[in-house]
Amino acid sequence: MPLVSRRALLRTAAAATVTGAAAVAALETGVVPGRARVHDVLGLTGPDGVVPDVPPGPVASGTFASEARRTTVGYSVIYPHGHSPAARLPVVLVLHGRGGDHTSAVNDLGIDRYLTAAVQAGTSPFALATVDGGRDNYWHARANGDDPVSMLDQELLPLLAKRGLRTERYGLLGWSMGGFGGLLFATSDFFQRQVPADRTAVAVGAMSPALYRHFEDATAGAFDGAGDFADNQVLGRRDDFKDVAVRIDCGRDDPFAGAAKELREELRAAGGEQAGAHTAGYWRRMLPDQLRFLGGKLGG
């Protein structure tokens, strides 16, 4: 085996150092795919949120025939522990992510126990209302006639009012597709309503909202075309949020982190960019802050 000179070894080590540094830099800037996976292995995406060890409150579930969605829609109303389903509480509409339904908030996130924990920690009590918004329609009126926006406004909110919940000032909470939907519905109070209403959204909390800057970047099927995308854009509409308190949280390894930061800065919203990826574990970690924010706005 030929001997390798000390100079050659130093050159090789230097090249390896440069290559390694360049690879790390590329990974951190997103040039190399899989940054979230690597960060997860290295423990850089932060811990998963742990569902609080507290008793859940009562849950009242049912269905209704939705003319707006042209289908039967399931829903649940979640109360904090210690409050009965007859309690006259303010309400937050919970919008699920892509592929989910009205059961996802409890089954995937344990939101019923997070709600109890928030109230036990001093947050003003409120109820959560989850509903089937469609697995991949991105919470806006579609060309096929499915209209979850009208379902929320004209069907769900009146149903909740009949149950005794206070709907004149309500909040919105969503993650991923539902985070986008919550932001969009908050603006719809200002630019999409066709008739005056006696209720309004006062706060919206979005976790990892599915925000796209360009139609070409959007998930296939999320919009009916470039015109539909433009009509349902939330970036660049700061004035439409002027009377709504907004909190936006997004993990730094989330594909939507850049657009979420842009909107958060545009709106001067609460929230931030934390260690995390586009996962249920991250959303669980953010729920205490989100629920505290929404409860504070509804109770104010």
C-alpha atoms as a PDB file:
ATOM      1  CA  MET A   1       0.000   0.000   0.000  1.00  0.00           C
ATOM      2  CA  PRO A   2       1.579   3.342  -1.009  1.00  0.00           C
ATOM      3  CA  LEU A   3       2.276   5.857   1.714  1.00  0.00           C
ATOM      4  CA  VAL A   4       0.210   9.037   1.705  1.00  0.00           C
ATOM      5  CA  SER A   5       2.033  12.248   2.446  1.00  0.00           C
ATOM      6  CA  ARG A   6       1.043  14.484   5.349  1.00  0.00           C
ATOM      7  CA  ARG A   7       0.256  17.285   2.869  1.00  0.00           C
ATOM      8  CA  ALA A   8      -2.125  15.023   0.949  1.00  0.00           C
ATOM      9  CA  LEU A   9      -3.883  14.047   4.151  1.00  0.00           C
ATOM     10  CA  LEU A  10      -4.307  17.683   5.104  1.00  0.00           C
ATOM     11  CA  ARG A  11      -5.698  18.484   1.650  1.00  0.00           C
ATOM     12  CA  THR A  12      -8.152  15.592   1.946  1.00  0.00           C
ATOM     13  CA  ALA A  13      -9.251  16.646   5.436  1.00  0.00           C
ATOM     14  CA  ALA A  14      -9.718  20.241   4.291  1.00  0.00           C
ATOM     15  CA  ALA A  15     -11.808  19.144   1.328  1.00  0.00           C
ATOM     16  CA  ALA A  16     -13.939  16.940   3.577  1.00  0.00           C
ATOM     17  CA  THR A  17     -14.446  19.848   5.982  1.00  0.00           C
ATOM     18  CA  VAL A  18     -15.508  22.173   3.157  1.00  0.00           C
ATOM     19  CA  THR A  19     -17.814  19.532   1.690  1.00  0.00           C
ATOM     20  CA  GLY A  20     -19.352  18.826   5.094  1.00  0.00           C
ATOM     21  CA  ALA A  21     -19.867  22.512   5.818  1.00  0.00           C
ATOM     22  CA  ALA A  22     -21.422  23.051   2.413  1.00  0.00           C
ATOM     23  CA  ALA A  23     -23.722  20.076   2.911  1.00  0.00           C
ATOM     24  CA  VAL A  24     -24.840  21.379   6.310  1.00  0.00           C
ATOM     25  CA  ALA A  25     -25.409  24.849   4.858  1.00  0.00           C
ATOM     26  CA  ALA A  26     -27.421  23.413   1.980  1.00  0.00           C
ATOM     27  CA  LEU A  27     -29.446  21.325   4.412  1.00  0.00           C
ATOM     28  CA  GLU A  28     -30.196  24.292   6.647  1.00  0.00           C
ATOM     29  CA  THR A  29     -31.296  26.494   3.752  1.00  0.00           C
ATOM     30  CA  GLY A  30     -33.538  23.802   2.337  1.00  0.00           C
ATOM     31  CA  VAL A  31     -31.471  23.172  -0.811  1.00  0.00           C
ATOM     32  CA  VAL A  32     -31.066  19.536   0.220  1.00  0.00           C
ATOM     33  CA  PRO A  33     -34.442  17.842   0.757  1.00  0.00           C
ATOM     34  CA  GLY A  34     -35.200  16.066   3.995  1.00  0.00           C
ATOM     35  CA  ARG A  35     -34.131  18.746   6.447  1.00  0.00           C
ATOM     36  CA  ALA A  36     -37.148  18.076   8.668  1.00  0.00           C
ATOM     37  CA  ARG A  37     -36.332  14.364   8.776  1.00  0.00           C
ATOM     38  CA  VAL A  38     -32.703  15.046   9.679  1.00  0.00           C
ATOM     39  CA  HIS A  39     -33.690  17.614  12.310  1.00  0.00           C
ATOM     40  CA  ASP A  40     -36.177  15.145  13.756  1.00  0.00           C
ATOM     41  CA  VAL A  41     -33.463  12.499  14.086  1.00  0.00           C
ATOM     42  CA  LEU A  42     -31.159  15.061  15.715  1.00  0.00           C
ATOM     43  CA  GLY A  43     -33.910  16.211  18.084  1.00  0.00           C
ATOM     44  CA  LEU A  44     -34.023  19.699  16.546  1.00  0.00           C
ATOM     45  CA  THR A  45     -37.748  19.766  15.757  1.00  0.00           C
ATOM     46  CA  GLY A  46     -38.638  19.984  19.432  1.00  0.00           C
ATOM     47  CA  PRO A  47     -40.636  17.614  21.614  1.00  0.00           C
ATOM     48  CA  ASP A  48     -44.105  16.417  20.754  1.00  0.00           C
ATOM     49  CA  GLY A  49     -46.849  17.958  22.817  1.00  0.00           C
ATOM     50  CA  VAL A  50     -48.167  15.681  25.537  1.00  0.00           C
ATOM     51  CA  VAL A  51     -51.923  15.558  26.066  1.00  0.00           C
ATOM     52  CA  PRO A  52     -52.642  16.870  29.603  1.00  0.00           C
ATOM     53  CA  ASP A  53     -53.576  14.333  32.242  1.00  0.00           C
ATOM     54  CA  VAL A  54     -56.860  16.013  33.119  1.00  0.00           C
ATOM     55  CA  PRO A  55     -60.465  14.866  32.747  1.00  0.00           C
ATOM     56  CA  PRO A  56     -62.157  15.826  29.494  1.00  0.00           C
ATOM     57  CA  GLY A  57     -65.411  17.713  29.624  1.00  0.00           C
ATOM     58  CA  PRO A  58     -68.682  16.599  28.049  1.00  0.00           C
ATOM     59  CA  VAL A  59     -68.932  16.283  24.279  1.00  0.00           C
ATOM     60  CA  ALA A  60     -72.236  16.623  22.421  1.00  0.00           C
ATOM     61  CA  SER A  61     -72.126  15.207  18.885  1.00  0.00           C
ATOM     62  CA  GLY A  62     -74.632  15.009  16.075  1.00  0.00           C
ATOM     63  CA  THR A  63     -75.247  15.465  12.376  1.00  0.00           C
ATOM     64  CA  PHE A  64     -77.218  17.800  10.174  1.00  0.00           C
ATOM     65  CA  ALA A  65     -78.179  17.862   6.529  1.00  0.00           C
ATOM     66  CA  SER A  66     -76.096  20.631   5.019  1.00  0.00           C
ATOM     67  CA  GLU A  67     -77.571  22.360   2.003  1.00  0.00           C
ATOM     68  CA  ALA A  68     -74.342  24.311   1.583  1.00  0.00           C
ATOM     69  CA  ARG A  69     -72.179  21.181   1.481  1.00  0.00           C
ATOM     70  CA  ARG A  70     -74.813  18.987  -0.189  1.00  0.00           C
ATOM     71  CA  THR A  71     -74.204  16.186   2.271  1.00  0.00           C
ATOM     72  CA  THR A  72     -74.771  15.099   5.856  1.00  0.00           C
ATOM     73  CA  VAL A  73     -72.264  16.806   8.128  1.00  0.00           C
ATOM     74  CA  GLY A  74     -71.024  15.572  11.488  1.00  0.00           C
ATOM     75  CA  TYR A  75     -70.151  17.927  14.334  1.00  0.00           C
ATOM     76  CA  SER A  76     -69.155  17.894  17.992  1.00  0.00           C
ATOM     77  CA  VAL A  77     -69.362  20.536  20.706  1.00  0.00           C
ATOM     78  CA  ILE A  78     -66.658  20.153  23.345  1.00  0.00           C
ATOM     79  CA  TYR A  79     -67.050  21.708  26.794  1.00  0.00           C
ATOM     80  CA  PRO A  80     -64.378  22.113  29.464  1.00  0.00           C
ATOM     81  CA  HIS A  81     -64.603  19.810  32.457  1.00  0.00           C
ATOM     82  CA  GLY A  82     -66.991  21.197  35.057  1.00  0.00           C
ATOM     83  CA  HIS A  83     -69.325  22.825  32.514  1.00  0.00           C
ATOM     84  CA  SER A  84     -72.496  21.166  31.305  1.00  0.00           C
ATOM     85  CA  PRO A  85     -73.714  21.067  27.688  1.00  0.00           C
ATOM     86  CA  ALA A  86     -76.325  23.622  28.761  1.00  0.00           C
ATOM     87  CA  ALA A  87     -73.650  26.176  29.699  1.00  0.00           C
ATOM     88  CA  ARG A  88     -73.947  29.476  27.875  1.00  0.00           C
ATOM     89  CA  LEU A  89     -70.329  29.848  26.748  1.00  0.00           C
ATOM     90  CA  PRO A  90     -68.602  31.626  23.892  1.00  0.00           C
ATOM     91  CA  VAL A  91     -67.423  29.285  21.160  1.00  0.00           C
ATOM     92  CA  VAL A  92     -64.416  28.651  18.920  1.00  0.00           C
ATOM     93  CA  LEU A  93     -64.974  26.912  15.585  1.00  0.00           C
ATOM     94  CA  VAL A  94     -62.306  24.249  15.031  1.00  0.00           C
ATOM     95  CA  LEU A  95     -61.312  23.576  11.412  1.00  0.00           C
ATOM     96  CA  HIS A  96     -59.521  20.293  10.731  1.00  0.00           C
ATOM     97  CA  GLY A  97     -56.608  19.669   8.405  1.00  0.00           C
ATOM     98  CA  ARG A  98     -56.558  17.895   5.057  1.00  0.00           C
ATOM     99  CA  GLY A  99     -57.883  14.356   5.256  1.00  0.00           C
ATOM    100  CA  GLY A 100     -59.526  14.969   8.620  1.00  0.00           C
ATOM    101  CA  ASP A 101     -63.055  15.353   9.907  1.00  0.00           C
ATOM    102  CA  HIS A 102     -64.864  16.622  12.998  1.00  0.00           C
ATOM    103  CA  THR A 103     -63.379  13.839  15.152  1.00  0.00           C
ATOM    104  CA  SER A 104     -59.750  14.700  14.363  1.00  0.00           C
ATOM    105  CA  ALA A 105     -59.377  17.419  17.001  1.00  0.00           C
ATOM    106  CA  VAL A 106     -60.065  14.938  19.796  1.00  0.00           C
ATOM    107  CA  ASN A 107     -58.677  11.745  18.275  1.00  0.00           C
ATOM    108  CA  ASP A 108     -55.443  13.232  16.880  1.00  0.00           C
ATOM    109  CA  LEU A 109     -54.776  16.176  19.174  1.00  0.00           C
ATOM    110  CA  GLY A 110     -56.616  15.471  22.432  1.00  0.00           C
ATOM    111  CA  ILE A 111     -58.069  18.953  22.250  1.00  0.00           C
ATOM    112  CA  ASP A 112     -60.816  18.131  24.748  1.00  0.00           C
ATOM    113  CA  ARG A 113     -58.259  17.710  27.527  1.00  0.00           C
ATOM    114  CA  TYR A 114     -56.192  20.668  26.372  1.00  0.00           C
ATOM    115  CA  LEU A 115     -59.363  22.765  26.724  1.00  0.00           C
ATOM    116  CA  THR A 116     -59.914  21.580  30.287  1.00  0.00           C
ATOM    117  CA  ALA A 117     -56.266  22.268  31.145  1.00  0.00           C
ATOM    118  CA  ALA A 118     -56.473  25.783  29.704  1.00  0.00           C
ATOM    119  CA  VAL A 119     -59.557  26.628  31.766  1.00  0.00           C
ATOM    120  CA  GLN A 120     -58.059  25.088  34.901  1.00  0.00           C
ATOM    121  CA  ALA A 121     -54.997  27.290  34.353  1.00  0.00           C
ATOM    122  CA  GLY A 122     -57.157  30.414  34.417  1.00  0.00           C
ATOM    123  CA  THR A 123     -58.351  30.952  30.846  1.00  0.00           C
ATOM    124  CA  SER A 124     -61.937  32.155  30.607  1.00  0.00           C
ATOM    125  CA  PRO A 125     -64.105  29.127  29.761  1.00  0.00           C
ATOM    126  CA  PHE A 126     -65.370  28.589  26.232  1.00  0.00           C
ATOM    127  CA  ALA A 127     -66.579  25.700  24.087  1.00  0.00           C
ATOM    128  CA  LEU A 128     -65.075  24.222  20.936  1.00  0.00           C
ATOM    129  CA  ALA A 129     -67.191  23.247  17.924  1.00  0.00           C
ATOM    130  CA  THR A 130     -65.704  20.863  15.375  1.00  0.00           C
ATOM    131  CA  VAL A 131     -67.367  20.070  12.059  1.00  0.00           C
ATOM    132  CA  ASP A 132     -66.824  18.154   8.831  1.00  0.00           C
ATOM    133  CA  GLY A 133     -65.528  20.659   6.318  1.00  0.00           C
ATOM    134  CA  GLY A 134     -64.552  18.220   3.574  1.00  0.00           C
ATOM    135  CA  ARG A 135     -61.354  16.215   3.450  1.00  0.00           C
ATOM    136  CA  ASP A 136     -59.579  18.217   0.759  1.00  0.00           C
ATOM    137  CA  ASN A 137     -61.688  21.209  -0.305  1.00  0.00           C
ATOM    138  CA  TYR A 138     -59.549  23.774   1.565  1.00  0.00           C
ATOM    139  CA  TRP A 139     -62.479  25.346   3.392  1.00  0.00           C
ATOM    140  CA  HIS A 140     -63.813  27.522   0.580  1.00  0.00           C
ATOM    141  CA  ALA A 141     -66.649  27.371  -1.935  1.00  0.00           C
ATOM    142  CA  ARG A 142     -65.800  25.005  -4.782  1.00  0.00           C
ATOM    143  CA  ALA A 143     -66.958  24.773  -8.375  1.00  0.00           C
ATOM    144  CA  ASN A 144     -68.714  21.460  -7.616  1.00  0.00           C
ATOM    145  CA  GLY A 145     -71.113  23.276  -5.283  1.00  0.00           C
ATOM    146  CA  ASP A 146     -69.485  22.250  -1.990  1.00  0.00           C
ATOM    147  CA  ASP A 147     -69.486  25.425   0.118  1.00  0.00           C
ATOM    148  CA  PRO A 148     -68.078  24.966   3.640  1.00  0.00           C
ATOM    149  CA  VAL A 149     -67.921  28.751   4.171  1.00  0.00           C
ATOM    150  CA  SER A 150     -71.696  29.056   3.897  1.00  0.00           C
ATOM    151  CA  MET A 151     -72.061  25.902   6.005  1.00  0.00           C
ATOM    152  CA  LEU A 152     -70.110  27.505   8.846  1.00  0.00           C
ATOM    153  CA  ASP A 153     -71.877  30.838   8.657  1.00  0.00           C
ATOM    154  CA  GLN A 154     -75.437  29.907   7.756  1.00  0.00           C
ATOM    155  CA  GLU A 155     -75.824  26.464   9.282  1.00  0.00           C
ATOM    156  CA  LEU A 156     -73.303  25.653  12.024  1.00  0.00           C
ATOM    157  CA  LEU A 157     -73.321  28.982  13.857  1.00  0.00           C
ATOM    158  CA  PRO A 158     -77.150  29.124  14.012  1.00  0.00           C
ATOM    159  CA  LEU A 159     -77.167  25.517  15.234  1.00  0.00           C
ATOM    160  CA  LEU A 160     -74.704  26.409  17.997  1.00  0.00           C
ATOM    161  CA  ALA A 161     -76.789  29.429  18.986  1.00  0.00           C
ATOM    162  CA  LYS A 162     -79.844  27.186  19.347  1.00  0.00           C
ATOM    163  CA  ARG A 163     -77.802  24.991  21.679  1.00  0.00           C
ATOM    164  CA  GLY A 164     -77.319  28.026  23.913  1.00  0.00           C
ATOM    165  CA  LEU A 165     -73.784  28.972  22.938  1.00  0.00           C
ATOM    166  CA  ARG A 166     -72.873  32.628  22.510  1.00  0.00           C
ATOM    167  CA  THR A 167     -72.122  33.194  18.838  1.00  0.00           C
ATOM    168  CA  GLU A 168     -72.238  36.971  18.532  1.00  0.00           C
ATOM    169  CA  ARG A 169     -68.441  37.013  19.090  1.00  0.00           C
ATOM    170  CA  TYR A 170     -66.682  33.791  18.204  1.00  0.00           C
ATOM    171  CA  GLY A 171     -63.201  32.515  17.483  1.00  0.00           C
ATOM    172  CA  LEU A 172     -61.604  30.211  14.927  1.00  0.00           C
ATOM    173  CA  LEU A 173     -58.842  27.643  15.326  1.00  0.00           C
ATOM    174  CA  GLY A 174     -57.322  25.434  12.644  1.00  0.00           C
ATOM    175  CA  TRP A 175     -54.223  23.570  11.604  1.00  0.00           C
ATOM    176  CA  SER A 176     -52.722  23.016   8.143  1.00  0.00           C
ATOM    177  CA  MET A 177     -55.641  23.191   5.661  1.00  0.00           C
ATOM    178  CA  GLY A 178     -57.845  24.260   8.566  1.00  0.00           C
ATOM    179  CA  GLY A 179     -55.370  26.982   9.542  1.00  0.00           C
ATOM    180  CA  PHE A 180     -55.741  28.449   6.087  1.00  0.00           C
ATOM    181  CA  GLY A 181     -59.517  28.015   6.313  1.00  0.00           C
ATOM    182  CA  GLY A 182     -59.716  29.821   9.639  1.00  0.00           C
ATOM    183  CA  LEU A 183     -57.747  32.768   8.303  1.00  0.00           C
ATOM    184  CA  LEU A 184     -59.878  32.873   5.159  1.00  0.00           C
ATOM    185  CA  PHE A 185     -63.151  32.692   7.081  1.00  0.00           C
ATOM    186  CA  ALA A 186     -62.045  35.501   9.374  1.00  0.00           C
ATOM    187  CA  THR A 187     -61.564  37.731   6.340  1.00  0.00           C
ATOM    188  CA  SER A 188     -64.858  36.554   4.837  1.00  0.00           C
ATOM    189  CA  ASP A 189     -66.646  38.602   7.498  1.00  0.00           C
ATOM    190  CA  PHE A 190     -65.374  41.638   5.585  1.00  0.00           C
ATOM    191  CA  PHE A 191     -65.277  40.847   1.885  1.00  0.00           C
ATOM    192  CA  GLN A 192     -67.498  37.825   1.193  1.00  0.00           C
ATOM    193  CA  ARG A 193     -70.675  38.302   3.211  1.00  0.00           C
ATOM    194  CA  GLN A 194     -73.813  38.933   1.183  1.00  0.00           C
ATOM    195  CA  VAL A 195     -76.074  40.049   4.043  1.00  0.00           C
ATOM    196  CA  PRO A 196     -75.527  41.812   7.371  1.00  0.00           C
ATOM    197  CA  ALA A 197     -74.864  39.474  10.301  1.00  0.00           C
ATOM    198  CA  ASP A 198     -75.299  39.771  14.056  1.00  0.00           C
ATOM    199  CA  ARG A 199     -72.131  37.775  14.739  1.00  0.00           C
ATOM    200  CA  THR A 200     -68.483  38.240  13.922  1.00  0.00           C
ATOM    201  CA  ALA A 201     -65.138  36.521  14.287  1.00  0.00           C
ATOM    202  CA  VAL A 202     -63.007  38.354  16.824  1.00  0.00           C
ATOM    203  CA  ALA A 203     -59.964  36.063  16.900  1.00  0.00           C
ATOM    204  CA  VAL A 204     -58.339  33.380  14.791  1.00  0.00           C
ATOM    205  CA  GLY A 205     -55.554  30.993  15.711  1.00  0.00           C
ATOM    206  CA  ALA A 206     -53.685  29.195  12.924  1.00  0.00           C
ATOM    207  CA  MET A 207     -51.149  26.406  13.384  1.00  0.00           C
ATOM    208  CA  SER A 208     -48.991  25.600  10.346  1.00  0.00           C
ATOM    209  CA  PRO A 209     -51.516  27.206   7.964  1.00  0.00           C
ATOM    210  CA  ALA A 210     -51.354  25.819   4.427  1.00  0.00           C
ATOM    211  CA  LEU A 211     -50.440  29.064   2.692  1.00  0.00           C
ATOM    212  CA  TYR A 212     -49.250  29.242  -0.903  1.00  0.00           C
ATOM    213  CA  ARG A 213     -47.771  32.317  -2.530  1.00  0.00           C
ATOM    214  CA  HIS A 214     -48.476  31.104  -6.071  1.00  0.00           C
ATOM    215  CA  PHE A 215     -51.146  28.895  -7.611  1.00  0.00           C
ATOM    216  CA  GLU A 216     -48.479  26.697  -9.187  1.00  0.00           C
ATOM    217  CA  ASP A 217     -47.185  25.795  -5.722  1.00  0.00           C
ATOM    218  CA  ALA A 218     -50.545  24.681  -4.334  1.00  0.00           C
ATOM    219  CA  THR A 219     -51.429  21.071  -3.625  1.00  0.00           C
ATOM    220  CA  ALA A 220     -53.237  19.512  -6.577  1.00  0.00           C
ATOM    221  CA  GLY A 221     -56.977  19.938  -6.164  1.00  0.00           C
ATOM    222  CA  ALA A 222     -56.763  22.566  -3.439  1.00  0.00           C
ATOM    223  CA  PHE A 223     -58.177  25.203  -5.806  1.00  0.00           C
ATOM    224  CA  ASP A 224     -60.298  25.043  -8.949  1.00  0.00           C
ATOM    225  CA  GLY A 225     -57.858  27.163 -10.930  1.00  0.00           C
ATOM    226  CA  ALA A 226     -55.757  30.299 -10.832  1.00  0.00           C
ATOM    227  CA  GLY A 227     -58.828  32.504 -10.492  1.00  0.00           C
ATOM    228  CA  ASP A 228     -60.147  30.500  -7.547  1.00  0.00           C
ATOM    229  CA  PHE A 229     -56.720  30.715  -5.924  1.00  0.00           C
ATOM    230  CA  ALA A 230     -56.606  34.506  -6.343  1.00  0.00           C
ATOM    231  CA  ASP A 231     -60.135  34.929  -4.996  1.00  0.00           C
ATOM    232  CA  ASN A 232     -59.268  32.965  -1.858  1.00  0.00           C
ATOM    233  CA  GLN A 233     -55.826  34.341  -1.080  1.00  0.00           C
ATOM    234  CA  VAL A 234     -55.143  35.695   2.414  1.00  0.00           C
ATOM    235  CA  LEU A 235     -51.668  37.113   1.841  1.00  0.00           C
ATOM    236  CA  GLY A 236     -51.760  40.776   0.910  1.00  0.00           C
ATOM    237  CA  ARG A 237     -55.145  41.464   2.540  1.00  0.00           C
ATOM    238  CA  ARG A 238     -54.073  43.144   5.736  1.00  0.00           C
ATOM    239  CA  ASP A 239     -57.065  45.502   5.859  1.00  0.00           C
ATOM    240  CA  ASP A 240     -59.455  42.539   5.892  1.00  0.00           C
ATOM    241  CA  PHE A 241     -58.034  41.510   9.276  1.00  0.00           C
ATOM    242  CA  LYS A 242     -58.235  44.946  10.866  1.00  0.00           C
ATOM    243  CA  ASP A 243     -60.831  43.955  13.479  1.00  0.00           C
ATOM    244  CA  VAL A 244     -59.613  40.385  14.078  1.00  0.00           C
ATOM    245  CA  ALA A 245     -56.919  39.326  16.544  1.00  0.00           C
ATOM    246  CA  VAL A 246     -54.612  36.814  14.838  1.00  0.00           C
ATOM    247  CA  ARG A 247     -52.090  34.287  16.115  1.00  0.00           C
ATOM    248  CA  ILE A 248     -49.997  32.263  13.654  1.00  0.00           C
ATOM    249  CA  ASP A 249     -47.574  29.541  14.757  1.00  0.00           C
ATOM    250  CA  CYS A 250     -45.485  27.455  12.404  1.00  0.00           C
ATOM    251  CA  GLY A 251     -42.495  25.152  12.886  1.00  0.00           C
ATOM    252  CA  ARG A 252     -39.254  26.249  11.269  1.00  0.00           C
ATOM    253  CA  ASP A 253     -38.995  22.911   9.390  1.00  0.00           C
ATOM    254  CA  ASP A 254     -42.534  23.180   8.057  1.00  0.00           C
ATOM    255  CA  PRO A 255     -42.883  23.695   4.279  1.00  0.00           C
ATOM    256  CA  PHE A 256     -45.276  26.575   5.023  1.00  0.00           C
ATOM    257  CA  ALA A 257     -42.900  28.351   7.424  1.00  0.00           C
ATOM    258  CA  GLY A 258     -41.854  31.070   4.968  1.00  0.00           C
ATOM    259  CA  ALA A 259     -45.373  32.071   3.940  1.00  0.00           C
ATOM    260  CA  ALA A 260     -46.594  31.849   7.546  1.00  0.00           C
ATOM    261  CA  LYS A 261     -43.837  34.220   8.655  1.00  0.00           C
ATOM    262  CA  GLU A 262     -44.690  36.590   5.804  1.00  0.00           C
ATOM    263  CA  LEU A 263     -48.352  36.737   6.822  1.00  0.00           C
ATOM    264  CA  ARG A 264     -47.540  37.000  10.529  1.00  0.00           C
ATOM    265  CA  GLU A 265     -45.288  40.007   9.846  1.00  0.00           C
ATOM    266  CA  GLU A 266     -47.803  41.538   7.423  1.00  0.00           C
ATOM    267  CA  LEU A 267     -50.561  41.365  10.035  1.00  0.00           C
ATOM    268  CA  ARG A 268     -48.249  42.010  13.003  1.00  0.00           C
ATOM    269  CA  ALA A 269     -49.872  38.928  14.450  1.00  0.00           C
ATOM    270  CA  ALA A 270     -49.053  37.072  17.622  1.00  0.00           C
ATOM    271  CA  GLY A 271     -47.323  33.703  17.536  1.00  0.00           C
ATOM    272  CA  GLY A 272     -43.984  32.796  16.069  1.00  0.00           C
ATOM    273  CA  GLU A 273     -41.702  30.269  14.444  1.00  0.00           C
ATOM    274  CA  GLN A 274     -40.598  27.513  16.782  1.00  0.00           C
ATOM    275  CA  ALA A 275     -38.646  24.287  16.486  1.00  0.00           C
ATOM    276  CA  GLY A 276     -41.053  21.933  14.773  1.00  0.00           C
ATOM    277  CA  ALA A 277     -42.352  20.351  11.597  1.00  0.00           C
ATOM    278  CA  HIS A 278     -45.758  19.740  10.003  1.00  0.00           C
ATOM    279  CA  THR A 279     -46.849  17.180  12.592  1.00  0.00           C
ATOM    280  CA  ALA A 280     -49.573  16.519  15.137  1.00  0.00           C
ATOM    281  CA  GLY A 281     -46.886  16.521  17.829  1.00  0.00           C
ATOM    282  CA  TYR A 282     -46.049  20.140  17.006  1.00  0.00           C
ATOM    283  CA  TRP A 283     -49.718  21.158  16.927  1.00  0.00           C
ATOM    284  CA  ARG A 284     -50.280  19.582  20.333  1.00  0.00           C
ATOM    285  CA  ARG A 285     -47.315  21.552  21.671  1.00  0.00           C
ATOM    286  CA  MET A 286     -48.843  24.782  20.369  1.00  0.00           C
ATOM    287  CA  LEU A 287     -52.389  24.163  21.620  1.00  0.00           C
ATOM    288  CA  PRO A 288     -51.915  25.594  25.142  1.00  0.00           C
ATOM    289  CA  ASP A 289     -50.726  28.940  23.758  1.00  0.00           C
ATOM    290  CA  GLN A 290     -53.387  28.974  21.060  1.00  0.00           C
ATOM    291  CA  LEU A 291     -56.245  28.208  23.460  1.00  0.00           C
ATOM    292  CA  ARG A 292     -54.997  30.769  25.960  1.00  0.00           C
ATOM    293  CA  PHE A 293     -54.878  33.377  23.183  1.00  0.00           C
ATOM    294  CA  LEU A 294     -58.389  32.608  21.941  1.00  0.00           C
ATOM    295  CA  GLY A 295     -59.888  32.448  25.429  1.00  0.00           C
ATOM    296  CA  GLY A 296     -58.333  35.788  26.280  1.00  0.00           C
ATOM    297  CA  LYS A 297     -59.862  37.434  23.213  1.00  0.00           C
ATOM    298  CA  LEU A 298     -63.300  35.903  23.692  1.00  0.00           C
ATOM    299  CA  GLY A 299     -63.334  36.744  27.376  1.00  0.00           C
ATOM    300  CA  GLY A 300     -62.173  40.311  26.823  1.00  0.00           C
END
